[in-house]
Amino acid sequence: MKASIIVGILLIALGAGILVLGNINYKTEEKVFELGPLKATAEKEKSVALPPLLGWALVIGGIAVLVVGSRKK
């Protein structure tokens, strides 16, 4: 399989994933205080918004890579 086909499929899949998910959630653990052997932490959930324009750009780019890669022989 040609490298351009693999790259094109990966770009399309990544772009579609961004369009479906919309954002990525993750948790962080932050130290509240530490006094000798006593420790307190707080778990916070954070979110990173992924712009739909990025997803569409990756999908269109993947399609372009597939088209250009299939024309070159």
N, C-alpha and C. Protein backbone atom coordinates (compact mmCIF):
# COMPACT_ATOMS: atom_id res chain seq x y z
N MET A 1 0.85 -1.18 0.00
CA MET A 1 0.00 0.00 0.00
C MET A 1 0.89 1.23 0.00
N LYS A 2 0.51 2.21 -0.80
CA LYS A 2 1.30 3.44 -0.91
C LYS A 2 1.17 4.28 0.35
N ALA A 3 2.23 5.01 0.64
CA ALA A 3 2.25 5.85 1.84
C ALA A 3 1.19 6.95 1.75
N SER A 4 0.94 7.47 0.56
CA SER A 4 -0.05 8.55 0.43
C SER A 4 -1.45 8.06 0.77
N ILE A 5 -1.76 6.81 0.46
CA ILE A 5 -3.07 6.27 0.80
C ILE A 5 -3.22 6.15 2.31
N ILE A 6 -2.18 5.68 2.97
CA ILE A 6 -2.22 5.53 4.43
C ILE A 6 -2.35 6.89 5.10
N VAL A 7 -1.57 7.87 4.64
CA VAL A 7 -1.62 9.22 5.21
C VAL A 7 -3.00 9.84 4.99
N GLY A 8 -3.54 9.68 3.79
CA GLY A 8 -4.86 10.23 3.49
C GLY A 8 -5.94 9.64 4.37
N ILE A 9 -5.92 8.32 4.57
CA ILE A 9 -6.90 7.66 5.42
C ILE A 9 -6.76 8.11 6.87
N LEU A 10 -5.52 8.24 7.34
CA LEU A 10 -5.29 8.70 8.72
C LEU A 10 -5.80 10.13 8.92
N LEU A 11 -5.56 11.00 7.95
CA LEU A 11 -6.05 12.38 8.06
C LEU A 11 -7.57 12.43 8.09
N ILE A 12 -8.21 11.64 7.24
CA ILE A 12 -9.68 11.61 7.23
C ILE A 12 -10.21 11.08 8.55
N ALA A 13 -9.61 10.01 9.07
CA ALA A 13 -10.06 9.44 10.34
C ALA A 13 -9.86 10.42 11.49
N LEU A 14 -8.73 11.11 11.52
CA LEU A 14 -8.47 12.08 12.58
C LEU A 14 -9.45 13.25 12.50
N GLY A 15 -9.69 13.74 11.29
CA GLY A 15 -10.65 14.83 11.11
C GLY A 15 -12.05 14.42 11.52
N ALA A 16 -12.47 13.21 11.14
CA ALA A 16 -13.80 12.73 11.53
C ALA A 16 -13.90 12.59 13.04
N GLY A 17 -12.83 12.13 13.67
CA GLY A 17 -12.82 12.02 15.14
C GLY A 17 -12.98 13.36 15.82
N ILE A 18 -12.33 14.38 15.29
CA ILE A 18 -12.46 15.72 15.85
C ILE A 18 -13.88 16.24 15.68
N LEU A 19 -14.48 15.99 14.51
CA LEU A 19 -15.85 16.44 14.27
C LEU A 19 -16.85 15.74 15.18
N VAL A 20 -16.62 14.46 15.46
CA VAL A 20 -17.55 13.69 16.30
C VAL A 20 -17.39 14.06 17.77
N LEU A 21 -16.16 14.13 18.24
CA LEU A 21 -15.93 14.37 19.67
C LEU A 21 -16.18 15.83 20.06
N GLY A 22 -15.63 16.76 19.34
CA GLY A 22 -15.83 18.17 19.66
C GLY A 22 -14.89 18.70 20.71
N ASN A 23 -14.61 17.93 21.74
CA ASN A 23 -13.65 18.37 22.76
C ASN A 23 -13.05 17.15 23.45
N ILE A 24 -11.95 17.39 24.15
CA ILE A 24 -11.25 16.33 24.89
C ILE A 24 -11.29 16.69 26.36
N ASN A 25 -11.76 15.76 27.20
CA ASN A 25 -11.80 15.97 28.64
C ASN A 25 -10.68 15.17 29.30
N TYR A 26 -10.06 15.77 30.29
CA TYR A 26 -9.04 15.07 31.06
C TYR A 26 -9.05 15.57 32.49
N LYS A 27 -8.48 14.78 33.38
CA LYS A 27 -8.46 15.13 34.80
C LYS A 27 -7.03 15.38 35.25
N THR A 28 -6.88 16.37 36.13
CA THR A 28 -5.59 16.67 36.73
C THR A 28 -5.73 16.61 38.24
N GLU A 29 -4.65 16.30 38.89
CA GLU A 29 -4.64 16.26 40.35
C GLU A 29 -3.74 17.38 40.85
N GLU A 30 -4.31 18.26 41.66
CA GLU A 30 -3.56 19.40 42.17
C GLU A 30 -3.41 19.30 43.69
N LYS A 31 -2.25 19.66 44.16
CA LYS A 31 -1.97 19.63 45.58
C LYS A 31 -2.62 20.85 46.25
N VAL A 32 -3.47 20.60 47.24
CA VAL A 32 -4.13 21.69 47.95
C VAL A 32 -3.22 22.19 49.06
N PHE A 33 -2.77 21.28 49.90
CA PHE A 33 -1.79 21.65 50.92
C PHE A 33 -1.04 20.40 51.37
N GLU A 34 0.12 20.66 51.99
CA GLU A 34 0.94 19.58 52.51
C GLU A 34 1.54 20.07 53.83
N LEU A 35 1.23 19.35 54.89
CA LEU A 35 1.72 19.71 56.21
C LEU A 35 2.27 18.45 56.86
N GLY A 36 3.58 18.31 56.81
CA GLY A 36 4.21 17.11 57.35
C GLY A 36 3.70 15.88 56.59
N PRO A 37 3.21 14.88 57.33
CA PRO A 37 2.73 13.67 56.66
C PRO A 37 1.32 13.83 56.07
N LEU A 38 0.64 14.93 56.38
CA LEU A 38 -0.70 15.15 55.86
C LEU A 38 -0.64 15.82 54.49
N LYS A 39 -1.36 15.23 53.56
CA LYS A 39 -1.41 15.79 52.21
C LYS A 39 -2.85 15.80 51.74
N ALA A 40 -3.23 16.85 51.05
CA ALA A 40 -4.57 16.94 50.48
C ALA A 40 -4.45 17.33 49.00
N THR A 41 -5.16 16.60 48.18
CA THR A 41 -5.15 16.90 46.76
C THR A 41 -6.59 17.07 46.27
N ALA A 42 -6.72 17.75 45.18
CA ALA A 42 -8.03 17.94 44.57
C ALA A 42 -7.94 17.52 43.10
N GLU A 43 -8.93 16.79 42.66
CA GLU A 43 -8.98 16.36 41.28
C GLU A 43 -9.89 17.30 40.49
N LYS A 44 -9.35 17.86 39.42
CA LYS A 44 -10.12 18.80 38.61
C LYS A 44 -10.25 18.25 37.20
N GLU A 45 -11.44 18.43 36.63
CA GLU A 45 -11.66 18.00 35.25
C GLU A 45 -11.53 19.22 34.34
N LYS A 46 -10.72 19.07 33.30
CA LYS A 46 -10.50 20.15 32.36
C LYS A 46 -10.92 19.68 30.97
N SER A 47 -11.20 20.63 30.12
CA SER A 47 -11.68 20.33 28.78
C SER A 47 -10.95 21.21 27.76
N VAL A 48 -10.60 20.61 26.63
CA VAL A 48 -9.98 21.33 25.53
C VAL A 48 -10.93 21.26 24.35
N ALA A 49 -11.40 22.41 23.89
CA ALA A 49 -12.32 22.45 22.75
C ALA A 49 -11.53 22.34 21.45
N LEU A 50 -12.00 21.46 20.58
CA LEU A 50 -11.38 21.29 19.27
C LEU A 50 -12.27 21.97 18.23
N PRO A 51 -11.71 22.89 17.47
CA PRO A 51 -12.54 23.62 16.50
C PRO A 51 -12.99 22.74 15.35
N PRO A 52 -14.25 22.82 14.96
CA PRO A 52 -14.74 22.03 13.83
C PRO A 52 -14.01 22.34 12.52
N LEU A 53 -13.53 23.57 12.40
CA LEU A 53 -12.79 23.94 11.19
C LEU A 53 -11.53 23.08 11.04
N LEU A 54 -10.89 22.75 12.14
CA LEU A 54 -9.73 21.86 12.10
C LEU A 54 -10.12 20.48 11.59
N GLY A 55 -11.24 19.97 12.07
CA GLY A 55 -11.71 18.66 11.62
C GLY A 55 -12.00 18.65 10.13
N TRP A 56 -12.70 19.68 9.65
CA TRP A 56 -13.01 19.76 8.22
C TRP A 56 -11.74 19.92 7.39
N ALA A 57 -10.79 20.69 7.88
CA ALA A 57 -9.53 20.87 7.16
C ALA A 57 -8.78 19.55 7.03
N LEU A 58 -8.79 18.74 8.08
CA LEU A 58 -8.12 17.44 8.02
C LEU A 58 -8.83 16.49 7.07
N VAL A 59 -10.16 16.49 7.08
CA VAL A 59 -10.91 15.62 6.17
C VAL A 59 -10.65 16.02 4.72
N ILE A 60 -10.73 17.31 4.42
CA ILE A 60 -10.50 17.79 3.05
C ILE A 60 -9.05 17.54 2.64
N GLY A 61 -8.12 17.75 3.56
CA GLY A 61 -6.72 17.47 3.28
C GLY A 61 -6.48 16.00 3.01
N GLY A 62 -7.13 15.13 3.77
CA GLY A 62 -7.00 13.69 3.55
C GLY A 62 -7.54 13.27 2.20
N ILE A 63 -8.67 13.84 1.81
CA ILE A 63 -9.24 13.54 0.50
C ILE A 63 -8.30 14.03 -0.60
N ALA A 64 -7.73 15.21 -0.42
CA ALA A 64 -6.79 15.75 -1.41
C ALA A 64 -5.56 14.86 -1.53
N VAL A 65 -5.05 14.37 -0.42
CA VAL A 65 -3.88 13.47 -0.45
C VAL A 65 -4.22 12.18 -1.18
N LEU A 66 -5.42 11.65 -0.95
CA LEU A 66 -5.84 10.43 -1.65
C LEU A 66 -5.96 10.66 -3.15
N VAL A 67 -6.54 11.80 -3.55
CA VAL A 67 -6.72 12.08 -4.97
C VAL A 67 -5.38 12.28 -5.65
N VAL A 68 -4.51 13.09 -5.05
CA VAL A 68 -3.20 13.36 -5.64
C VAL A 68 -2.35 12.09 -5.64
N GLY A 69 -2.43 11.31 -4.58
CA GLY A 69 -1.65 10.08 -4.51
C GLY A 69 -2.09 9.03 -5.50
N SER A 70 -3.37 9.00 -5.82
CA SER A 70 -3.85 8.01 -6.77
C SER A 70 -3.53 8.40 -8.22
N ARG A 71 -3.33 9.70 -8.47
CA ARG A 71 -3.00 10.16 -9.83
C ARG A 71 -1.55 9.91 -10.18
N LYS A 72 -0.66 9.98 -9.20
CA LYS A 72 0.76 9.77 -9.46
C LYS A 72 1.04 8.27 -9.49
N LYS A 73 1.58 7.82 -10.61
CA LYS A 73 1.90 6.38 -10.73
C LYS A 73 3.29 6.20 -11.26
